[in-house]
Amino acid sequence: PRVAERAYRSLGKSRARVAVTYAPVAGNPAGLA
């Protein structure tokens, strides 16, 4: 959470877009959730 906050703050936007890939849990419904 600390690193994520730092990364988000560095964007300089209050409402930035974060695009996520969940490929490492593909086919795993519990992992994806």
PDB file of all heavy atoms in Angstrom:
ATOM      1  N   PRO A   1       0.811  -1.224   0.000  1.00  0.00           N
ATOM      2  CA  PRO A   1       0.000   0.000   0.000  1.00  0.00           C
ATOM      3  C   PRO A   1       0.844   1.274   0.000  1.00  0.00           C
ATOM      4  O   PRO A   1       0.471   2.271  -0.629  1.00  0.00           O
ATOM      5  CB  PRO A   1      -0.829  -0.121   1.283  1.00  0.00           C
ATOM      6  CG  PRO A   1      -0.871  -1.579   1.579  1.00  0.00           C
ATOM      7  CD  PRO A   1       0.450  -2.107   1.130  1.00  0.00           C
ATOM      8  N   ARG A   2       1.970   1.245   0.692  1.00  0.00           N
ATOM      9  CA  ARG A   2       2.838   2.420   0.732  1.00  0.00           C
ATOM     10  C   ARG A   2       3.417   2.730  -0.642  1.00  0.00           C
ATOM     11  O   ARG A   2       3.450   3.883  -1.085  1.00  0.00           O
ATOM     12  CB  ARG A   2       3.971   2.198   1.737  1.00  0.00           C
ATOM     13  CG  ARG A   2       3.536   2.241   3.183  1.00  0.00           C
ATOM     14  CD  ARG A   2       4.622   1.711   4.108  1.00  0.00           C
ATOM     15  NE  ARG A   2       5.951   2.235   3.775  1.00  0.00           N
ATOM     16  CZ  ARG A   2       7.077   1.647   4.160  1.00  0.00           C
ATOM     17  NH1 ARG A   2       7.040   0.528   4.878  1.00  0.00           N
ATOM     18  NH2 ARG A   2       8.243   2.189   3.841  1.00  0.00           N
ATOM     19  N   VAL A   3       3.879   1.692  -1.338  1.00  0.00           N
ATOM     20  CA  VAL A   3       4.462   1.908  -2.664  1.00  0.00           C
ATOM     21  C   VAL A   3       3.370   2.301  -3.654  1.00  0.00           C
ATOM     22  O   VAL A   3       3.574   3.168  -4.512  1.00  0.00           O
ATOM     23  CB  VAL A   3       5.217   0.657  -3.135  1.00  0.00           C
ATOM     24  CG1 VAL A   3       5.775   0.854  -4.549  1.00  0.00           C
ATOM     25  CG2 VAL A   3       6.363   0.323  -2.179  1.00  0.00           C
ATOM     26  N   ALA A   4       2.188   1.684  -3.525  1.00  0.00           N
ATOM     27  CA  ALA A   4       1.074   2.031  -4.418  1.00  0.00           C
ATOM     28  C   ALA A   4       0.673   3.489  -4.228  1.00  0.00           C
ATOM     29  O   ALA A   4       0.415   4.208  -5.207  1.00  0.00           O
ATOM     30  CB  ALA A   4      -0.111   1.112  -4.148  1.00  0.00           C
ATOM     31  N   GLU A   5       0.625   3.948  -2.984  1.00  0.00           N
ATOM     32  CA  GLU A   5       0.282   5.347  -2.723  1.00  0.00           C
ATOM     33  C   GLU A   5       1.325   6.279  -3.340  1.00  0.00           C
ATOM     34  O   GLU A   5       0.980   7.313  -3.938  1.00  0.00           O
ATOM     35  CB  GLU A   5       0.195   5.595  -1.220  1.00  0.00           C
ATOM     36  CG  GLU A   5      -0.179   7.025  -0.865  1.00  0.00           C
ATOM     37  CD  GLU A   5      -0.206   7.266   0.627  1.00  0.00           C
ATOM     38  OE1 GLU A   5       0.239   6.385   1.392  1.00  0.00           O
ATOM     39  OE2 GLU A   5      -0.657   8.353   1.030  1.00  0.00           O
ATOM     40  N   ARG A   6       2.580   5.917  -3.206  1.00  0.00           N
ATOM     41  CA  ARG A   6       3.641   6.739  -3.781  1.00  0.00           C
ATOM     42  C   ARG A   6       3.530   6.784  -5.302  1.00  0.00           C
ATOM     43  O   ARG A   6       3.661   7.855  -5.919  1.00  0.00           O
ATOM     44  CB  ARG A   6       4.995   6.175  -3.363  1.00  0.00           C
ATOM     45  CG  ARG A   6       6.176   6.867  -4.022  1.00  0.00           C
ATOM     46  CD  ARG A   6       7.477   6.413  -3.424  1.00  0.00           C
ATOM     47  NE  ARG A   6       8.617   6.843  -4.220  1.00  0.00           N
ATOM     48  CZ  ARG A   6       9.879   6.672  -3.866  1.00  0.00           C
ATOM     49  NH1 ARG A   6      10.175   6.095  -2.708  1.00  0.00           N
ATOM     50  NH2 ARG A   6      10.868   7.075  -4.640  1.00  0.00           N
ATOM     51  N   ALA A   7       3.291   5.614  -5.914  1.00  0.00           N
ATOM     52  CA  ALA A   7       3.174   5.563  -7.370  1.00  0.00           C
ATOM     53  C   ALA A   7       1.990   6.400  -7.846  1.00  0.00           C
ATOM     54  O   ALA A   7       2.099   7.149  -8.832  1.00  0.00           O
ATOM     55  CB  ALA A   7       3.020   4.115  -7.825  1.00  0.00           C
ATOM     56  N   TYR A   8       0.863   6.288  -7.152  1.00  0.00           N
ATOM     57  CA  TYR A   8      -0.335   7.031  -7.555  1.00  0.00           C
ATOM     58  C   TYR A   8      -0.135   8.536  -7.364  1.00  0.00           C
ATOM     59  O   TYR A   8      -0.507   9.339  -8.226  1.00  0.00           O
ATOM     60  CB  TYR A   8      -1.536   6.544  -6.748  1.00  0.00           C
ATOM     61  CG  TYR A   8      -2.852   7.032  -7.295  1.00  0.00           C
ATOM     62  CD1 TYR A   8      -3.460   6.383  -8.363  1.00  0.00           C
ATOM     63  CD2 TYR A   8      -3.492   8.132  -6.747  1.00  0.00           C
ATOM     64  CE1 TYR A   8      -4.674   6.827  -8.875  1.00  0.00           C
ATOM     65  CE2 TYR A   8      -4.697   8.579  -7.247  1.00  0.00           C
ATOM     66  CZ  TYR A   8      -5.285   7.927  -8.314  1.00  0.00           C
ATOM     67  OH  TYR A   8      -6.475   8.369  -8.822  1.00  0.00           O
ATOM     68  N   ARG A   9       0.472   8.914  -6.254  1.00  0.00           N
ATOM     69  CA  ARG A   9       0.697  10.332  -5.970  1.00  0.00           C
ATOM     70  C   ARG A   9       1.612  10.965  -7.015  1.00  0.00           C
ATOM     71  O   ARG A   9       1.441  12.131  -7.386  1.00  0.00           O
ATOM     72  CB  ARG A   9       1.298  10.482  -4.572  1.00  0.00           C
ATOM     73  CG  ARG A   9       1.356  11.927  -4.075  1.00  0.00           C
ATOM     74  CD  ARG A   9       1.722  12.003  -2.608  1.00  0.00           C
ATOM     75  NE  ARG A   9       3.024  11.413  -2.348  1.00  0.00           N
ATOM     76  CZ  ARG A   9       3.237  10.329  -1.614  1.00  0.00           C
ATOM     77  NH1 ARG A   9       2.211   9.697  -1.076  1.00  0.00           N
ATOM     78  NH2 ARG A   9       4.457   9.877  -1.412  1.00  0.00           N
ATOM     79  N   SER A  10       2.568  10.182  -7.511  1.00  0.00           N
ATOM     80  CA  SER A  10       3.515  10.708  -8.503  1.00  0.00           C
ATOM     81  C   SER A  10       2.844  11.048  -9.828  1.00  0.00           C
ATOM     82  O   SER A  10       3.405  11.793 -10.639  1.00  0.00           O
ATOM     83  CB  SER A  10       4.637   9.703  -8.740  1.00  0.00           C
ATOM     84  OG  SER A  10       4.182   8.589  -9.492  1.00  0.00           O
ATOM     85  N   LEU A  11       1.636  10.521 -10.052  1.00  0.00           N
ATOM     86  CA  LEU A  11       0.927  10.795 -11.302  1.00  0.00           C
ATOM     87  C   LEU A  11       0.406  12.228 -11.351  1.00  0.00           C
ATOM     88  O   LEU A  11       0.138  12.753 -12.438  1.00  0.00           O
ATOM     89  CB  LEU A  11      -0.231   9.808 -11.470  1.00  0.00           C
ATOM     90  CG  LEU A  11       0.146   8.326 -11.501  1.00  0.00           C
ATOM     91  CD1 LEU A  11      -1.104   7.453 -11.547  1.00  0.00           C
ATOM     92  CD2 LEU A  11       1.064   8.011 -12.683  1.00  0.00           C
ATOM     93  N   GLY A  12       0.198  12.825 -10.188  1.00  0.00           N
ATOM     94  CA  GLY A  12      -0.256  14.212 -10.133  1.00  0.00           C
ATOM     95  C   GLY A  12      -1.700  14.409 -10.527  1.00  0.00           C
ATOM     96  O   GLY A  12      -2.103  15.508 -10.943  1.00  0.00           O
ATOM     97  N   LYS A  13      -2.505  13.344 -10.388  1.00  0.00           N
ATOM     98  CA  LYS A  13      -3.925  13.436 -10.733  1.00  0.00           C
ATOM     99  C   LYS A  13      -4.750  12.915  -9.568  1.00  0.00           C
ATOM    100  O   LYS A  13      -4.396  11.924  -8.933  1.00  0.00           O
ATOM    101  CB  LYS A  13      -4.240  12.595 -11.973  1.00  0.00           C
ATOM    102  CG  LYS A  13      -3.565  13.051 -13.253  1.00  0.00           C
ATOM    103  CD  LYS A  13      -3.990  12.157 -14.418  1.00  0.00           C
ATOM    104  CE  LYS A  13      -3.394  12.613 -15.729  1.00  0.00           C
ATOM    105  NZ  LYS A  13      -3.844  11.761 -16.869  1.00  0.00           N
ATOM    106  N   SER A  14      -5.872  13.560  -9.311  1.00  0.00           N
ATOM    107  CA  SER A  14      -6.742  13.088  -8.249  1.00  0.00           C
ATOM    108  C   SER A  14      -7.574  11.891  -8.697  1.00  0.00           C
ATOM    109  O   SER A  14      -8.011  11.086  -7.868  1.00  0.00           O
ATOM    110  CB  SER A  14      -7.667  14.207  -7.775  1.00  0.00           C
ATOM    111  OG  SER A  14      -8.474  14.677  -8.861  1.00  0.00           O
ATOM    112  N   ARG A  15      -7.778  11.759 -10.006  1.00  0.00           N
ATOM    113  CA  ARG A  15      -8.633  10.691 -10.543  1.00  0.00           C
ATOM    114  C   ARG A  15      -7.912  10.058 -11.734  1.00  0.00           C
ATOM    115  O   ARG A  15      -8.313  10.202 -12.894  1.00  0.00           O
ATOM    116  CB  ARG A  15      -9.968  11.290 -10.968  1.00  0.00           C
ATOM    117  CG  ARG A  15     -11.037  10.280 -11.355  1.00  0.00           C
ATOM    118  CD  ARG A  15     -11.658   9.616 -10.147  1.00  0.00           C
ATOM    119  NE  ARG A  15     -12.861   8.895 -10.517  1.00  0.00           N
ATOM    120  CZ  ARG A  15     -13.232   7.749  -9.954  1.00  0.00           C
ATOM    121  NH1 ARG A  15     -12.500   7.206  -8.998  1.00  0.00           N
ATOM    122  NH2 ARG A  15     -14.345   7.167 -10.326  1.00  0.00           N
ATOM    123  N   ALA A  16      -6.841   9.355 -11.465  1.00  0.00           N
ATOM    124  CA  ALA A  16      -6.032   8.743 -12.523  1.00  0.00           C
ATOM    125  C   ALA A  16      -6.605   7.390 -12.930  1.00  0.00           C
ATOM    126  O   ALA A  16      -7.387   6.770 -12.195  1.00  0.00           O
ATOM    127  CB  ALA A  16      -4.593   8.584 -12.050  1.00  0.00           C
ATOM    128  N   ARG A  17      -6.192   6.943 -14.106  1.00  0.00           N
ATOM    129  CA  ARG A  17      -6.604   5.635 -14.614  1.00  0.00           C
ATOM    130  C   ARG A  17      -5.502   4.607 -14.348  1.00  0.00           C
ATOM    131  O   ARG A  17      -4.349   4.815 -14.729  1.00  0.00           O
ATOM    132  CB  ARG A  17      -6.889   5.698 -16.114  1.00  0.00           C
ATOM    133  CG  ARG A  17      -8.125   6.527 -16.472  1.00  0.00           C
ATOM    134  CD  ARG A  17      -8.369   6.526 -17.963  1.00  0.00           C
ATOM    135  NE  ARG A  17      -9.579   7.269 -18.303  1.00  0.00           N
ATOM    136  CZ  ARG A  17     -10.804   6.736 -18.363  1.00  0.00           C
ATOM    137  NH1 ARG A  17     -10.958   5.434 -18.127  1.00  0.00           N
ATOM    138  NH2 ARG A  17     -11.845   7.487 -18.676  1.00  0.00           N
ATOM    139  N   VAL A  18      -5.894   3.501 -13.707  1.00  0.00           N
ATOM    140  CA  VAL A  18      -4.971   2.399 -13.445  1.00  0.00           C
ATOM    141  C   VAL A  18      -5.479   1.181 -14.203  1.00  0.00           C
ATOM    142  O   VAL A  18      -6.589   0.704 -13.971  1.00  0.00           O
ATOM    143  CB  VAL A  18      -4.873   2.094 -11.937  1.00  0.00           C
ATOM    144  CG1 VAL A  18      -3.938   0.900 -11.701  1.00  0.00           C
ATOM    145  CG2 VAL A  18      -4.382   3.321 -11.172  1.00  0.00           C
ATOM    146  N   ALA A  19      -4.667   0.703 -15.133  1.00  0.00           N
ATOM    147  CA  ALA A  19      -5.020  -0.471 -15.931  1.00  0.00           C
ATOM    148  C   ALA A  19      -4.326  -1.685 -15.341  1.00  0.00           C
ATOM    149  O   ALA A  19      -3.116  -1.668 -15.090  1.00  0.00           O
ATOM    150  CB  ALA A  19      -4.598  -0.275 -17.385  1.00  0.00           C
ATOM    151  N   VAL A  20      -5.091  -2.750 -15.114  1.00  0.00           N
ATOM    152  CA  VAL A  20      -4.585  -3.918 -14.391  1.00  0.00           C
ATOM    153  C   VAL A  20      -4.671  -5.158 -15.276  1.00  0.00           C
ATOM    154  O   VAL A  20      -5.671  -5.366 -15.977  1.00  0.00           O
ATOM    155  CB  VAL A  20      -5.401  -4.168 -13.107  1.00  0.00           C
ATOM    156  CG1 VAL A  20      -4.759  -5.260 -12.266  1.00  0.00           C
ATOM    157  CG2 VAL A  20      -5.556  -2.885 -12.299  1.00  0.00           C
ATOM    158  N   THR A  21      -3.631  -6.003 -15.235  1.00  0.00           N
ATOM    159  CA  THR A  21      -3.738  -7.334 -15.799  1.00  0.00           C
ATOM    160  C   THR A  21      -3.693  -8.352 -14.666  1.00  0.00           C
ATOM    161  O   THR A  21      -2.841  -8.281 -13.772  1.00  0.00           O
ATOM    162  CB  THR A  21      -2.640  -7.653 -16.828  1.00  0.00           C
ATOM    163  OG1 THR A  21      -2.766  -9.050 -17.226  1.00  0.00           O
ATOM    164  CG2 THR A  21      -1.247  -7.416 -16.296  1.00  0.00           C
ATOM    165  N   TYR A  22      -4.639  -9.274 -14.719  1.00  0.00           N
ATOM    166  CA  TYR A  22      -4.720 -10.364 -13.747  1.00  0.00           C
ATOM    167  C   TYR A  22      -4.279 -11.675 -14.382  1.00  0.00           C
ATOM    168  O   TYR A  22      -4.688 -12.751 -13.929  1.00  0.00           O
ATOM    169  CB  TYR A  22      -6.149 -10.493 -13.225  1.00  0.00           C
ATOM    170  CG  TYR A  22      -6.679  -9.261 -12.551  1.00  0.00           C
ATOM    171  CD1 TYR A  22      -7.505  -8.366 -13.234  1.00  0.00           C
ATOM    172  CD2 TYR A  22      -6.353  -8.975 -11.229  1.00  0.00           C
ATOM    173  CE1 TYR A  22      -8.002  -7.228 -12.608  1.00  0.00           C
ATOM    174  CE2 TYR A  22      -6.837  -7.833 -10.597  1.00  0.00           C
ATOM    175  CZ  TYR A  22      -7.666  -6.970 -11.296  1.00  0.00           C
ATOM    176  OH  TYR A  22      -8.149  -5.829 -10.680  1.00  0.00           O
ATOM    177  N   ALA A  23      -3.429 -11.614 -15.395  1.00  0.00           N
ATOM    178  CA  ALA A  23      -2.978 -12.822 -16.097  1.00  0.00           C
ATOM    179  C   ALA A  23      -2.391 -13.871 -15.156  1.00  0.00           C
ATOM    180  O   ALA A  23      -2.590 -15.073 -15.389  1.00  0.00           O
ATOM    181  CB  ALA A  23      -1.967 -12.452 -17.183  1.00  0.00           C
ATOM    182  N   PRO A  24      -1.662 -13.499 -14.082  1.00  0.00           N
ATOM    183  CA  PRO A  24      -1.107 -14.537 -13.210  1.00  0.00           C
ATOM    184  C   PRO A  24      -2.140 -15.353 -12.438  1.00  0.00           C
ATOM    185  O   PRO A  24      -1.781 -16.359 -11.822  1.00  0.00           O
ATOM    186  CB  PRO A  24      -0.213 -13.739 -12.245  1.00  0.00           C
ATOM    187  CG  PRO A  24       0.169 -12.513 -13.003  1.00  0.00           C
ATOM    188  CD  PRO A  24      -1.078 -12.168 -13.773  1.00  0.00           C
ATOM    189  N   VAL A  25      -3.409 -14.926 -12.437  1.00  0.00           N
ATOM    190  CA  VAL A  25      -4.461 -15.720 -11.791  1.00  0.00           C
ATOM    191  C   VAL A  25      -5.530 -16.124 -12.811  1.00  0.00           C
ATOM    192  O   VAL A  25      -6.663 -16.425 -12.447  1.00  0.00           O
ATOM    193  CB  VAL A  25      -5.104 -14.971 -10.596  1.00  0.00           C
ATOM    194  CG1 VAL A  25      -4.144 -14.898  -9.431  1.00  0.00           C
ATOM    195  CG2 VAL A  25      -5.583 -13.581 -11.001  1.00  0.00           C
ATOM    196  N   ALA A  26      -5.173 -16.148 -14.084  1.00  0.00           N
ATOM    197  CA  ALA A  26      -6.124 -16.554 -15.128  1.00  0.00           C
ATOM    198  C   ALA A  26      -6.664 -17.952 -14.844  1.00  0.00           C
ATOM    199  O   ALA A  26      -5.913 -18.868 -14.508  1.00  0.00           O
ATOM    200  CB  ALA A  26      -5.438 -16.527 -16.494  1.00  0.00           C
ATOM    201  N   GLY A  27      -7.975 -18.103 -14.955  1.00  0.00           N
ATOM    202  CA  GLY A  27      -8.605 -19.395 -14.728  1.00  0.00           C
ATOM    203  C   GLY A  27      -8.782 -19.766 -13.267  1.00  0.00           C
ATOM    204  O   GLY A  27      -9.201 -20.882 -12.953  1.00  0.00           O
ATOM    205  N   ASN A  28      -8.502 -18.827 -12.376  1.00  0.00           N
ATOM    206  CA  ASN A  28      -8.618 -19.067 -10.932  1.00  0.00           C
ATOM    207  C   ASN A  28      -9.616 -18.060 -10.358  1.00  0.00           C
ATOM    208  O   ASN A  28      -9.233 -16.954  -9.967  1.00  0.00           O
ATOM    209  CB  ASN A  28      -7.244 -18.910 -10.276  1.00  0.00           C
ATOM    210  CG  ASN A  28      -7.278 -19.113  -8.764  1.00  0.00           C
ATOM    211  OD1 ASN A  28      -8.332 -19.210  -8.150  1.00  0.00           O
ATOM    212  ND2 ASN A  28      -6.105 -19.174  -8.158  1.00  0.00           N
ATOM    213  N   PRO A  29     -10.898 -18.404 -10.291  1.00  0.00           N
ATOM    214  CA  PRO A  29     -11.910 -17.437  -9.852  1.00  0.00           C
ATOM    215  C   PRO A  29     -11.644 -16.870  -8.456  1.00  0.00           C
ATOM    216  O   PRO A  29     -11.827 -15.671  -8.232  1.00  0.00           O
ATOM    217  CB  PRO A  29     -13.213 -18.249  -9.882  1.00  0.00           C
ATOM    218  CG  PRO A  29     -12.957 -19.334 -10.867  1.00  0.00           C
ATOM    219  CD  PRO A  29     -11.512 -19.680 -10.716  1.00  0.00           C
ATOM    220  N   ALA A  30     -11.201 -17.719  -7.531  1.00  0.00           N
ATOM    221  CA  ALA A  30     -10.946 -17.240  -6.175  1.00  0.00           C
ATOM    222  C   ALA A  30      -9.764 -16.273  -6.153  1.00  0.00           C
ATOM    223  O   ALA A  30      -9.807 -15.230  -5.491  1.00  0.00           O
ATOM    224  CB  ALA A  30     -10.679 -18.419  -5.237  1.00  0.00           C
ATOM    225  N   GLY A  31      -8.727 -16.624  -6.896  1.00  0.00           N
ATOM    226  CA  GLY A  31      -7.559 -15.742  -6.964  1.00  0.00           C
ATOM    227  C   GLY A  31      -7.894 -14.419  -7.619  1.00  0.00           C
ATOM    228  O   GLY A  31      -7.434 -13.357  -7.182  1.00  0.00           O
ATOM    229  N   LEU A  32      -8.702 -14.467  -8.666  1.00  0.00           N
ATOM    230  CA  LEU A  32      -9.103 -13.249  -9.358  1.00  0.00           C
ATOM    231  C   LEU A  32      -9.924 -12.351  -8.440  1.00  0.00           C
ATOM    232  O   LEU A  32      -9.705 -11.133  -8.380  1.00  0.00           O
ATOM    233  CB  LEU A  32      -9.903 -13.604 -10.611  1.00  0.00           C
ATOM    234  CG  LEU A  32     -10.455 -12.429 -11.413  1.00  0.00           C
ATOM    235  CD1 LEU A  32      -9.324 -11.516 -11.890  1.00  0.00           C
ATOM    236  CD2 LEU A  32     -11.268 -12.936 -12.604  1.00  0.00           C
ATOM    237  N   ALA A  33     -10.862 -12.947  -7.704  1.00  0.00           N
ATOM    238  CA  ALA A  33     -11.688 -12.162  -6.786  1.00  0.00           C
ATOM    239  C   ALA A  33     -10.825 -11.496  -5.716  1.00  0.00           C
ATOM    240  O   ALA A  33     -11.031 -10.325  -5.371  1.00  0.00           O
ATOM    241  CB  ALA A  33     -12.746 -13.059  -6.148  1.00  0.00           C
TER     242      ALA A  33
END
